[in-house]
Amino acid sequence: MKTTSKLLLMASLIGLTVSACRTDDDLPDVPQPVVNEPEQITTVELHIEKASDSSHVHATWSDPDGPGGNEPTIDDITLDTGSVYTVEVHFYDESGDSPVEVTSEIREEGDEHFVCFELAPTELSDGIAITATDSDGTYPIGLDSEWVTTGAATGTLTLKLKHQVGGEKDGTCEPGGTDVEVVFNVTIQ
């Protein structure tokens, strides 16, 4: 009896040792959910070009140390009335040792991103029309847009980069999370 018990104990220990040495490679592949993390954005640049004379306006919002640190630096935007502008939005992550532009990643994932522009007060929204000129094939992305100014006004432009994953994107700013939200002062003269 003692020999049988010893053999059973040894067999159990060997089984435990073998199962403890099993690697993840031995396990069947189980699909993992795709997690698309929001972009880390510390800088937003607007490259604004006037169609009639190719003059440029650059406006930057920058907060390299992130929320809670130093206040962001923000440029004002001044535009001419009765003009057409082409606008490109660029996004950067400057939280590390060297800046990383994330604009191309946002463009590649265009079906999950939307750049929203909100104008206030009504006088400003009446004085400028913004139309996205790029698309993911179904909905606008908003990295490229055309701005048409029609009347003098002042106010604010709120730019939001929305992260709309899992089929949430519907061409509006409502669904999804916000990767970054910045406010620029705007004057049309």
N, C-alpha and C. Protein backbone atom coordinates (compact mmCIF):
# COMPACT_ATOMS: atom_id res chain seq x y z
N MET A 1 0.81 -1.19 0.00
CA MET A 1 0.00 0.00 0.00
C MET A 1 0.85 1.26 0.00
N LYS A 2 1.93 1.23 0.80
CA LYS A 2 2.77 2.41 0.88
C LYS A 2 3.42 2.69 -0.46
N THR A 3 3.79 1.69 -1.19
CA THR A 3 4.42 1.88 -2.49
C THR A 3 3.43 2.51 -3.46
N THR A 4 2.19 2.04 -3.45
CA THR A 4 1.16 2.59 -4.33
C THR A 4 0.90 4.06 -4.01
N SER A 5 0.83 4.41 -2.73
CA SER A 5 0.61 5.80 -2.32
C SER A 5 1.76 6.68 -2.75
N LYS A 6 2.99 6.14 -2.60
CA LYS A 6 4.15 6.91 -3.01
C LYS A 6 4.14 7.14 -4.52
N LEU A 7 3.76 6.11 -5.28
CA LEU A 7 3.71 6.24 -6.72
C LEU A 7 2.65 7.26 -7.15
N LEU A 8 1.51 7.23 -6.49
CA LEU A 8 0.45 8.19 -6.80
C LEU A 8 0.90 9.62 -6.47
N LEU A 9 1.58 9.79 -5.34
CA LEU A 9 2.08 11.10 -4.95
C LEU A 9 3.11 11.61 -5.95
N MET A 10 4.01 10.74 -6.39
CA MET A 10 5.04 11.12 -7.36
C MET A 10 4.40 11.48 -8.70
N ALA A 11 3.40 10.72 -9.12
CA ALA A 11 2.72 10.99 -10.38
C ALA A 11 2.01 12.34 -10.32
N SER A 12 1.40 12.65 -9.19
CA SER A 12 0.73 13.94 -9.02
C SER A 12 1.72 15.08 -9.08
N LEU A 13 2.88 14.92 -8.42
CA LEU A 13 3.91 15.97 -8.44
C LEU A 13 4.47 16.18 -9.85
N ILE A 14 4.67 15.11 -10.56
CA ILE A 14 5.16 15.22 -11.94
C ILE A 14 4.12 15.94 -12.79
N GLY A 15 2.85 15.61 -12.61
CA GLY A 15 1.77 16.27 -13.36
C GLY A 15 1.71 17.76 -13.06
N LEU A 16 1.90 18.13 -11.79
CA LEU A 16 1.90 19.54 -11.42
C LEU A 16 3.08 20.26 -12.04
N THR A 17 4.24 19.61 -12.04
CA THR A 17 5.44 20.22 -12.60
C THR A 17 5.26 20.44 -14.10
N VAL A 18 4.72 19.45 -14.79
CA VAL A 18 4.53 19.56 -16.23
C VAL A 18 3.52 20.67 -16.54
N SER A 19 2.41 20.75 -15.79
CA SER A 19 1.42 21.78 -16.08
C SER A 19 1.94 23.17 -15.71
N ALA A 20 2.82 23.26 -14.70
CA ALA A 20 3.38 24.56 -14.34
C ALA A 20 4.36 25.06 -15.39
N CYS A 21 4.94 24.19 -16.18
CA CYS A 21 5.89 24.58 -17.21
C CYS A 21 5.21 24.90 -18.54
N ARG A 22 3.92 24.72 -18.61
CA ARG A 22 3.19 24.97 -19.84
C ARG A 22 3.28 26.46 -20.19
N THR A 23 3.51 26.77 -21.45
CA THR A 23 3.64 28.16 -21.89
C THR A 23 2.37 28.63 -22.56
N ASP A 24 2.27 29.93 -22.78
CA ASP A 24 1.12 30.49 -23.48
C ASP A 24 1.04 29.98 -24.91
N ASP A 25 2.19 29.58 -25.47
CA ASP A 25 2.20 29.05 -26.83
C ASP A 25 1.43 27.75 -26.93
N ASP A 26 1.29 27.06 -25.79
CA ASP A 26 0.57 25.79 -25.79
C ASP A 26 -0.94 25.98 -25.73
N LEU A 27 -1.37 27.19 -25.38
CA LEU A 27 -2.80 27.45 -25.24
C LEU A 27 -3.40 27.78 -26.60
N PRO A 28 -4.68 27.48 -26.79
CA PRO A 28 -5.31 27.82 -28.06
C PRO A 28 -5.40 29.34 -28.20
N ASP A 29 -5.34 29.81 -29.47
CA ASP A 29 -5.46 31.25 -29.72
C ASP A 29 -6.89 31.69 -29.45
N VAL A 30 -7.02 32.68 -28.59
CA VAL A 30 -8.32 33.25 -28.28
C VAL A 30 -8.29 34.69 -28.77
N PRO A 31 -9.22 35.07 -29.63
CA PRO A 31 -9.20 36.45 -30.13
C PRO A 31 -9.35 37.44 -28.97
N GLN A 32 -8.49 38.45 -28.98
CA GLN A 32 -8.54 39.49 -27.96
C GLN A 32 -9.29 40.69 -28.53
N PRO A 33 -10.04 41.39 -27.68
CA PRO A 33 -10.73 42.57 -28.20
C PRO A 33 -9.72 43.63 -28.64
N VAL A 34 -10.05 44.31 -29.73
CA VAL A 34 -9.20 45.38 -30.23
C VAL A 34 -9.47 46.62 -29.39
N VAL A 35 -8.41 47.13 -28.77
CA VAL A 35 -8.54 48.35 -27.99
C VAL A 35 -7.81 49.45 -28.73
N ASN A 36 -8.55 50.46 -29.13
CA ASN A 36 -7.97 51.58 -29.86
C ASN A 36 -7.89 52.75 -28.90
N GLU A 37 -6.72 52.97 -28.35
CA GLU A 37 -6.53 54.00 -27.35
C GLU A 37 -6.68 55.39 -27.96
N PRO A 38 -7.23 56.34 -27.20
CA PRO A 38 -7.29 57.72 -27.69
C PRO A 38 -5.88 58.25 -27.92
N GLU A 39 -5.78 59.18 -28.85
CA GLU A 39 -4.48 59.78 -29.16
C GLU A 39 -4.04 60.68 -28.00
N GLN A 40 -2.74 60.73 -27.73
CA GLN A 40 -2.16 61.67 -26.77
C GLN A 40 -1.80 62.91 -27.57
N ILE A 41 -2.48 64.02 -27.32
CA ILE A 41 -2.27 65.23 -28.12
C ILE A 41 -1.96 66.39 -27.19
N THR A 42 -0.82 67.04 -27.46
CA THR A 42 -0.42 68.19 -26.66
C THR A 42 -0.35 69.47 -27.48
N THR A 43 -0.41 69.34 -28.81
CA THR A 43 -0.30 70.52 -29.68
C THR A 43 -1.24 70.36 -30.87
N VAL A 44 -1.95 71.46 -31.19
CA VAL A 44 -2.83 71.50 -32.36
C VAL A 44 -2.40 72.71 -33.18
N GLU A 45 -2.13 72.48 -34.45
CA GLU A 45 -1.75 73.57 -35.35
C GLU A 45 -2.78 73.68 -36.47
N LEU A 46 -3.17 74.92 -36.76
CA LEU A 46 -4.02 75.20 -37.91
C LEU A 46 -3.17 75.91 -38.95
N HIS A 47 -3.08 75.35 -40.14
CA HIS A 47 -2.38 75.96 -41.27
C HIS A 47 -3.47 76.52 -42.17
N ILE A 48 -3.58 77.84 -42.20
CA ILE A 48 -4.67 78.52 -42.89
C ILE A 48 -4.08 79.30 -44.06
N GLU A 49 -4.53 78.99 -45.28
CA GLU A 49 -4.02 79.67 -46.47
C GLU A 49 -5.16 80.36 -47.20
N LYS A 50 -4.97 81.64 -47.45
CA LYS A 50 -5.97 82.43 -48.18
C LYS A 50 -5.85 82.11 -49.67
N ALA A 51 -6.96 81.76 -50.30
CA ALA A 51 -6.95 81.33 -51.70
C ALA A 51 -6.54 82.43 -52.66
N SER A 52 -6.94 83.67 -52.41
CA SER A 52 -6.72 84.75 -53.38
C SER A 52 -5.27 85.17 -53.49
N ASP A 53 -4.49 85.10 -52.42
CA ASP A 53 -3.10 85.56 -52.50
C ASP A 53 -2.09 84.61 -51.84
N SER A 54 -2.54 83.43 -51.44
CA SER A 54 -1.69 82.41 -50.82
C SER A 54 -1.00 82.87 -49.53
N SER A 55 -1.53 83.93 -48.91
CA SER A 55 -0.96 84.33 -47.61
C SER A 55 -1.35 83.29 -46.57
N HIS A 56 -0.49 83.16 -45.56
CA HIS A 56 -0.68 82.11 -44.55
C HIS A 56 -0.93 82.71 -43.18
N VAL A 57 -1.78 82.02 -42.44
CA VAL A 57 -1.98 82.28 -41.03
C VAL A 57 -1.76 80.94 -40.32
N HIS A 58 -0.93 80.94 -39.30
CA HIS A 58 -0.73 79.74 -38.49
C HIS A 58 -1.25 80.04 -37.09
N ALA A 59 -2.05 79.15 -36.57
CA ALA A 59 -2.54 79.28 -35.21
C ALA A 59 -2.22 78.00 -34.47
N THR A 60 -1.64 78.14 -33.29
CA THR A 60 -1.21 76.97 -32.52
C THR A 60 -1.78 77.02 -31.11
N TRP A 61 -2.25 75.87 -30.66
CA TRP A 61 -2.59 75.63 -29.26
C TRP A 61 -1.58 74.61 -28.77
N SER A 62 -0.89 74.92 -27.67
CA SER A 62 0.15 74.01 -27.20
C SER A 62 0.11 73.87 -25.68
N ASP A 63 0.10 72.63 -25.22
CA ASP A 63 0.11 72.32 -23.79
C ASP A 63 1.01 71.10 -23.57
N PRO A 64 2.35 71.27 -23.78
CA PRO A 64 3.25 70.10 -23.76
C PRO A 64 3.32 69.37 -22.44
N ASP A 65 3.02 70.02 -21.32
CA ASP A 65 3.07 69.31 -20.04
C ASP A 65 1.72 68.72 -19.65
N GLY A 66 0.71 68.88 -20.50
CA GLY A 66 -0.59 68.25 -20.28
C GLY A 66 -1.46 68.97 -19.27
N PRO A 67 -2.65 68.42 -19.03
CA PRO A 67 -3.60 69.03 -18.11
C PRO A 67 -3.01 69.13 -16.70
N GLY A 68 -3.32 70.24 -16.05
CA GLY A 68 -2.89 70.41 -14.66
C GLY A 68 -1.55 71.05 -14.49
N GLY A 69 -0.78 71.18 -15.55
CA GLY A 69 0.54 71.81 -15.46
C GLY A 69 0.43 73.28 -15.77
N ASN A 70 1.34 73.76 -16.59
CA ASN A 70 1.30 75.15 -17.03
C ASN A 70 0.11 75.37 -17.95
N GLU A 71 -0.36 76.61 -18.00
CA GLU A 71 -1.45 76.96 -18.91
C GLU A 71 -0.98 76.78 -20.35
N PRO A 72 -1.89 76.34 -21.26
CA PRO A 72 -1.50 76.22 -22.66
C PRO A 72 -1.26 77.59 -23.29
N THR A 73 -0.44 77.60 -24.34
CA THR A 73 -0.29 78.81 -25.14
C THR A 73 -1.24 78.69 -26.32
N ILE A 74 -1.92 79.81 -26.64
CA ILE A 74 -2.94 79.78 -27.69
C ILE A 74 -2.80 81.04 -28.55
N ASP A 75 -2.70 80.82 -29.87
CA ASP A 75 -2.67 81.94 -30.81
C ASP A 75 -4.09 82.34 -31.17
N ASP A 76 -4.27 83.63 -31.43
CA ASP A 76 -5.54 84.13 -31.96
C ASP A 76 -5.55 83.97 -33.47
N ILE A 77 -6.73 83.91 -34.04
CA ILE A 77 -6.90 83.78 -35.49
C ILE A 77 -7.56 85.05 -36.01
N THR A 78 -6.92 85.71 -36.99
CA THR A 78 -7.50 86.89 -37.63
C THR A 78 -7.62 86.61 -39.12
N LEU A 79 -8.84 86.77 -39.64
CA LEU A 79 -9.12 86.49 -41.04
C LEU A 79 -9.75 87.72 -41.70
N ASP A 80 -9.66 87.78 -43.03
CA ASP A 80 -10.28 88.86 -43.79
C ASP A 80 -11.70 88.47 -44.17
N THR A 81 -12.58 89.44 -44.13
CA THR A 81 -13.95 89.19 -44.56
C THR A 81 -13.99 89.01 -46.08
N GLY A 82 -14.98 88.28 -46.56
CA GLY A 82 -15.14 88.07 -47.99
C GLY A 82 -14.02 87.25 -48.61
N SER A 83 -13.51 86.27 -47.88
CA SER A 83 -12.36 85.48 -48.36
C SER A 83 -12.62 83.98 -48.23
N VAL A 84 -11.84 83.23 -49.00
CA VAL A 84 -11.89 81.77 -48.95
C VAL A 84 -10.53 81.28 -48.46
N TYR A 85 -10.53 80.38 -47.50
CA TYR A 85 -9.30 79.82 -46.93
C TYR A 85 -9.34 78.30 -47.00
N THR A 86 -8.19 77.70 -47.28
CA THR A 86 -8.03 76.25 -47.12
C THR A 86 -7.30 76.04 -45.80
N VAL A 87 -7.76 75.08 -45.04
CA VAL A 87 -7.23 74.88 -43.69
C VAL A 87 -6.85 73.42 -43.50
N GLU A 88 -5.66 73.21 -42.95
CA GLU A 88 -5.20 71.88 -42.56
C GLU A 88 -4.99 71.89 -41.05
N VAL A 89 -5.47 70.84 -40.38
CA VAL A 89 -5.27 70.69 -38.94
C VAL A 89 -4.21 69.62 -38.72
N HIS A 90 -3.23 69.94 -37.88
CA HIS A 90 -2.16 69.00 -37.54
C HIS A 90 -2.16 68.79 -36.03
N PHE A 91 -1.96 67.52 -35.63
CA PHE A 91 -1.95 67.16 -34.22
C PHE A 91 -0.59 66.55 -33.86
N TYR A 92 -0.07 66.93 -32.69
CA TYR A 92 1.24 66.45 -32.23
C TYR A 92 1.16 65.98 -30.78
N ASP A 93 2.01 65.01 -30.47
CA ASP A 93 2.26 64.61 -29.09
C ASP A 93 3.67 65.05 -28.75
N GLU A 94 3.79 66.07 -27.91
CA GLU A 94 5.09 66.59 -27.52
C GLU A 94 5.40 66.29 -26.06
N SER A 95 4.78 65.23 -25.53
CA SER A 95 4.99 64.89 -24.12
C SER A 95 6.30 64.16 -23.88
N GLY A 96 6.92 63.61 -24.92
CA GLY A 96 8.17 62.89 -24.77
C GLY A 96 9.37 63.74 -25.13
N ASP A 97 10.49 63.08 -25.40
CA ASP A 97 11.72 63.78 -25.73
C ASP A 97 11.69 64.48 -27.08
N SER A 98 10.98 63.89 -28.03
CA SER A 98 10.88 64.53 -29.35
C SER A 98 9.42 64.50 -29.80
N PRO A 99 8.97 65.55 -30.51
CA PRO A 99 7.58 65.62 -30.95
C PRO A 99 7.23 64.50 -31.93
N VAL A 100 6.01 64.02 -31.82
CA VAL A 100 5.51 62.99 -32.72
C VAL A 100 4.23 63.52 -33.34
N GLU A 101 4.21 63.62 -34.68
CA GLU A 101 2.98 64.06 -35.35
C GLU A 101 2.05 62.85 -35.46
N VAL A 102 0.83 63.01 -35.00
CA VAL A 102 -0.15 61.92 -35.04
C VAL A 102 -1.22 62.15 -36.10
N THR A 103 -1.06 63.19 -36.92
CA THR A 103 -2.04 63.52 -37.95
C THR A 103 -2.23 62.37 -38.94
N SER A 104 -1.14 61.76 -39.38
CA SER A 104 -1.25 60.67 -40.37
C SER A 104 -1.98 59.46 -39.77
N GLU A 105 -1.76 59.19 -38.50
CA GLU A 105 -2.47 58.09 -37.84
C GLU A 105 -3.97 58.39 -37.78
N ILE A 106 -4.31 59.64 -37.48
CA ILE A 106 -5.72 60.04 -37.44
C ILE A 106 -6.34 59.90 -38.83
N ARG A 107 -5.60 60.32 -39.86
CA ARG A 107 -6.11 60.20 -41.24
C ARG A 107 -6.30 58.73 -41.61
N GLU A 108 -5.33 57.87 -41.25
CA GLU A 108 -5.44 56.43 -41.55
C GLU A 108 -6.64 55.81 -40.84
N GLU A 109 -6.93 56.31 -39.65
CA GLU A 109 -8.08 55.82 -38.88
C GLU A 109 -9.25 56.80 -39.03
N GLY A 110 -9.42 57.33 -40.24
CA GLY A 110 -10.43 58.34 -40.50
C GLY A 110 -11.85 57.89 -40.20
N ASP A 111 -12.12 56.58 -40.34
CA ASP A 111 -13.47 56.09 -40.04
C ASP A 111 -13.75 56.08 -38.54
N GLU A 112 -12.73 56.43 -37.72
CA GLU A 112 -12.90 56.47 -36.27
C GLU A 112 -12.62 57.85 -35.69
N HIS A 113 -12.39 58.85 -36.55
CA HIS A 113 -12.07 60.21 -36.07
C HIS A 113 -12.89 61.25 -36.82
N PHE A 114 -13.16 62.34 -36.13
CA PHE A 114 -13.88 63.46 -36.72
C PHE A 114 -13.42 64.74 -36.04
N VAL A 115 -12.97 65.71 -36.83
CA VAL A 115 -12.59 67.02 -36.32
C VAL A 115 -13.83 67.91 -36.41
N CYS A 116 -14.29 68.37 -35.27
CA CYS A 116 -15.49 69.21 -35.19
C CYS A 116 -15.10 70.66 -34.94
N PHE A 117 -15.81 71.57 -35.58
CA PHE A 117 -15.61 73.00 -35.38
C PHE A 117 -16.92 73.60 -34.89
N GLU A 118 -16.86 74.28 -33.76
CA GLU A 118 -18.05 74.95 -33.22
C GLU A 118 -17.73 76.43 -33.08
N LEU A 119 -18.61 77.28 -33.60
CA LEU A 119 -18.41 78.73 -33.59
C LEU A 119 -19.42 79.39 -32.66
N ALA A 120 -18.96 80.37 -31.91
CA ALA A 120 -19.85 81.13 -31.02
C ALA A 120 -19.32 82.55 -30.93
N PRO A 121 -20.15 83.52 -30.80
CA PRO A 121 -21.62 83.50 -30.79
C PRO A 121 -22.18 83.38 -32.20
N THR A 122 -23.47 83.57 -32.31
CA THR A 122 -24.15 83.43 -33.60
C THR A 122 -23.56 84.35 -34.66
N GLU A 123 -23.13 85.54 -34.26
CA GLU A 123 -22.57 86.48 -35.24
C GLU A 123 -21.34 85.87 -35.94
N LEU A 124 -20.53 85.13 -35.18
CA LEU A 124 -19.36 84.49 -35.80
C LEU A 124 -19.78 83.34 -36.69
N SER A 125 -20.73 82.53 -36.23
CA SER A 125 -21.16 81.41 -37.07
C SER A 125 -21.88 81.90 -38.33
N ASP A 126 -22.47 83.11 -38.26
CA ASP A 126 -23.06 83.70 -39.47
C ASP A 126 -21.98 84.28 -40.38
N GLY A 127 -20.81 84.63 -39.83
CA GLY A 127 -19.75 85.28 -40.58
C GLY A 127 -18.75 84.34 -41.21
N ILE A 128 -18.83 83.04 -40.88
CA ILE A 128 -17.88 82.08 -41.45
C ILE A 128 -18.57 80.73 -41.64
N ALA A 129 -18.34 80.13 -42.79
CA ALA A 129 -18.86 78.79 -43.07
C ALA A 129 -17.67 77.84 -43.20
N ILE A 130 -17.72 76.73 -42.46
CA ILE A 130 -16.63 75.75 -42.48
C ILE A 130 -17.15 74.44 -43.06
N THR A 131 -16.47 73.94 -44.09
CA THR A 131 -16.86 72.70 -44.74
C THR A 131 -15.66 71.77 -44.82
N ALA A 132 -15.79 70.57 -44.26
CA ALA A 132 -14.72 69.56 -44.36
C ALA A 132 -14.57 69.16 -45.82
N THR A 133 -13.32 69.02 -46.29
CA THR A 133 -13.06 68.65 -47.68
C THR A 133 -12.41 67.28 -47.81
N ASP A 134 -12.25 66.59 -46.70
CA ASP A 134 -11.72 65.22 -46.74
C ASP A 134 -12.77 64.27 -46.19
N SER A 135 -12.58 62.98 -46.48
CA SER A 135 -13.61 62.01 -46.12
C SER A 135 -12.99 60.65 -45.86
N ASP A 136 -13.67 59.85 -45.06
CA ASP A 136 -13.25 58.47 -44.85
C ASP A 136 -13.92 57.54 -45.86
N GLY A 137 -14.63 58.11 -46.82
CA GLY A 137 -15.37 57.33 -47.80
C GLY A 137 -16.87 57.38 -47.54
N THR A 138 -17.23 57.69 -46.30
CA THR A 138 -18.64 57.82 -45.93
C THR A 138 -18.92 59.16 -45.26
N TYR A 139 -18.09 59.51 -44.29
CA TYR A 139 -18.28 60.73 -43.52
C TYR A 139 -17.03 61.61 -43.59
N PRO A 140 -17.20 62.92 -43.33
CA PRO A 140 -16.02 63.80 -43.31
C PRO A 140 -15.08 63.44 -42.16
N ILE A 141 -13.80 63.77 -42.35
CA ILE A 141 -12.81 63.63 -41.27
C ILE A 141 -12.58 65.01 -40.64
N GLY A 142 -12.36 66.02 -41.45
CA GLY A 142 -12.20 67.38 -40.96
C GLY A 142 -10.76 67.83 -40.78
N LEU A 143 -9.79 66.99 -41.14
CA LEU A 143 -8.39 67.43 -41.10
C LEU A 143 -8.13 68.49 -42.15
N ASP A 144 -8.87 68.42 -43.26
CA ASP A 144 -8.80 69.42 -44.33
C ASP A 144 -10.18 70.05 -44.46
N SER A 145 -10.19 71.38 -44.58
CA SER A 145 -11.48 72.06 -44.69
C SER A 145 -11.33 73.36 -45.46
N GLU A 146 -12.48 73.90 -45.85
CA GLU A 146 -12.54 75.21 -46.51
C GLU A 146 -13.36 76.13 -45.62
N TRP A 147 -12.81 77.32 -45.39
CA TRP A 147 -13.49 78.33 -44.59
C TRP A 147 -13.82 79.50 -45.50
N VAL A 148 -15.07 79.92 -45.50
CA VAL A 148 -15.51 81.06 -46.30
C VAL A 148 -16.03 82.13 -45.33
N THR A 149 -15.38 83.29 -45.35
CA THR A 149 -15.80 84.38 -44.47
C THR A 149 -16.68 85.34 -45.24
N THR A 150 -17.79 85.77 -44.61
CA THR A 150 -18.73 86.64 -45.31
C THR A 150 -18.97 87.96 -44.59
N GLY A 151 -18.68 88.02 -43.31
CA GLY A 151 -18.93 89.27 -42.60
C GLY A 151 -18.03 89.41 -41.39
N ALA A 152 -17.85 90.67 -40.96
CA ALA A 152 -17.01 90.95 -39.81
C ALA A 152 -17.67 90.41 -38.54
N ALA A 153 -16.86 89.80 -37.68
CA ALA A 153 -17.37 89.25 -36.42
C ALA A 153 -16.20 88.85 -35.53
N THR A 154 -16.48 88.67 -34.26
CA THR A 154 -15.49 88.13 -33.32
C THR A 154 -16.17 87.07 -32.47
N GLY A 155 -15.38 86.16 -31.99
CA GLY A 155 -15.92 85.09 -31.14
C GLY A 155 -14.90 84.02 -30.93
N THR A 156 -15.38 82.80 -30.71
CA THR A 156 -14.49 81.67 -30.44
C THR A 156 -14.78 80.52 -31.38
N LEU A 157 -13.73 79.81 -31.71
CA LEU A 157 -13.80 78.57 -32.48
C LEU A 157 -13.35 77.46 -31.54
N THR A 158 -14.25 76.52 -31.26
CA THR A 158 -13.89 75.34 -30.47
C THR A 158 -13.63 74.19 -31.43
N LEU A 159 -12.44 73.65 -31.37
CA LEU A 159 -12.05 72.52 -32.22
C LEU A 159 -11.97 71.29 -31.32
N LYS A 160 -12.66 70.23 -31.74
CA LYS A 160 -12.63 68.97 -31.00
C LYS A 160 -12.20 67.85 -31.94
N LEU A 161 -11.30 67.01 -31.48
CA LEU A 161 -11.00 65.78 -32.19
C LEU A 161 -11.77 64.68 -31.48
N LYS A 162 -12.78 64.15 -32.17
CA LYS A 162 -13.61 63.10 -31.60
C LYS A 162 -13.07 61.74 -32.02
N HIS A 163 -13.06 60.82 -31.08
CA HIS A 163 -12.63 59.44 -31.30
C HIS A 163 -13.91 58.60 -31.28
N GLN A 164 -14.33 58.14 -32.46
CA GLN A 164 -15.62 57.47 -32.62
C GLN A 164 -15.39 56.05 -33.14
N VAL A 165 -15.17 55.12 -32.23
CA VAL A 165 -14.83 53.74 -32.61
C VAL A 165 -16.07 52.85 -32.62
N GLY A 166 -15.89 51.67 -33.19
CA GLY A 166 -16.93 50.66 -33.15
C GLY A 166 -18.20 51.02 -33.89
N GLY A 167 -18.07 51.76 -35.00
CA GLY A 167 -19.24 52.11 -35.79
C GLY A 167 -20.04 53.28 -35.23
N GLU A 168 -19.47 54.00 -34.26
CA GLU A 168 -20.17 55.15 -33.68
C GLU A 168 -20.26 56.34 -34.63
N LYS A 169 -19.29 56.46 -35.53
CA LYS A 169 -19.20 57.64 -36.38
C LYS A 169 -20.45 57.76 -37.26
N ASP A 170 -21.08 58.95 -37.16
CA ASP A 170 -22.29 59.18 -37.94
C ASP A 170 -22.29 60.55 -38.62
N GLY A 171 -21.12 61.21 -38.67
CA GLY A 171 -21.03 62.51 -39.31
C GLY A 171 -21.37 63.67 -38.39
N THR A 172 -21.62 63.38 -37.10
CA THR A 172 -21.89 64.44 -36.13
C THR A 172 -20.85 64.37 -35.01
N CYS A 173 -20.84 65.38 -34.18
CA CYS A 173 -19.88 65.45 -33.07
C CYS A 173 -20.40 64.78 -31.81
N GLU A 174 -21.58 64.24 -31.83
CA GLU A 174 -22.18 63.70 -30.61
C GLU A 174 -21.53 62.42 -30.10
N PRO A 175 -21.38 61.38 -30.94
CA PRO A 175 -20.88 60.12 -30.37
C PRO A 175 -19.38 60.16 -30.10
N GLY A 176 -18.95 59.22 -29.26
CA GLY A 176 -17.52 59.01 -29.02
C GLY A 176 -16.94 59.88 -27.95
N GLY A 177 -15.66 59.64 -27.70
CA GLY A 177 -14.90 60.41 -26.72
C GLY A 177 -14.16 61.54 -27.41
N THR A 178 -13.68 62.47 -26.61
CA THR A 178 -12.94 63.62 -27.14
C THR A 178 -11.47 63.44 -26.83
N ASP A 179 -10.63 63.34 -27.88
CA ASP A 179 -9.18 63.22 -27.70
C ASP A 179 -8.58 64.53 -27.25
N VAL A 180 -9.05 65.63 -27.83
CA VAL A 180 -8.56 66.96 -27.46
C VAL A 180 -9.63 67.98 -27.82
N GLU A 181 -9.73 69.03 -26.99
CA GLU A 181 -10.66 70.13 -27.25
C GLU A 181 -9.92 71.42 -26.97
N VAL A 182 -9.88 72.30 -27.97
CA VAL A 182 -9.17 73.57 -27.83
C VAL A 182 -10.06 74.71 -28.30
N VAL A 183 -9.81 75.90 -27.76
CA VAL A 183 -10.60 77.08 -28.10
C VAL A 183 -9.66 78.17 -28.59
N PHE A 184 -9.97 78.70 -29.78
CA PHE A 184 -9.22 79.81 -30.37
C PHE A 184 -10.13 81.03 -30.41
N ASN A 185 -9.57 82.21 -30.12
CA ASN A 185 -10.28 83.47 -30.36
C ASN A 185 -10.16 83.80 -31.84
N VAL A 186 -11.28 84.20 -32.46
CA VAL A 186 -11.31 84.47 -33.90
C VAL A 186 -11.85 85.88 -34.13
N THR A 187 -11.18 86.60 -35.03
CA THR A 187 -11.65 87.90 -35.49
C THR A 187 -11.70 87.88 -37.01
N ILE A 188 -12.85 88.24 -37.55
CA ILE A 188 -12.98 88.42 -39.00
C ILE A 188 -13.17 89.91 -39.22
N GLN A 189 -12.27 90.54 -40.00
CA GLN A 189 -12.31 91.99 -40.18
C GLN A 189 -12.26 92.39 -41.65
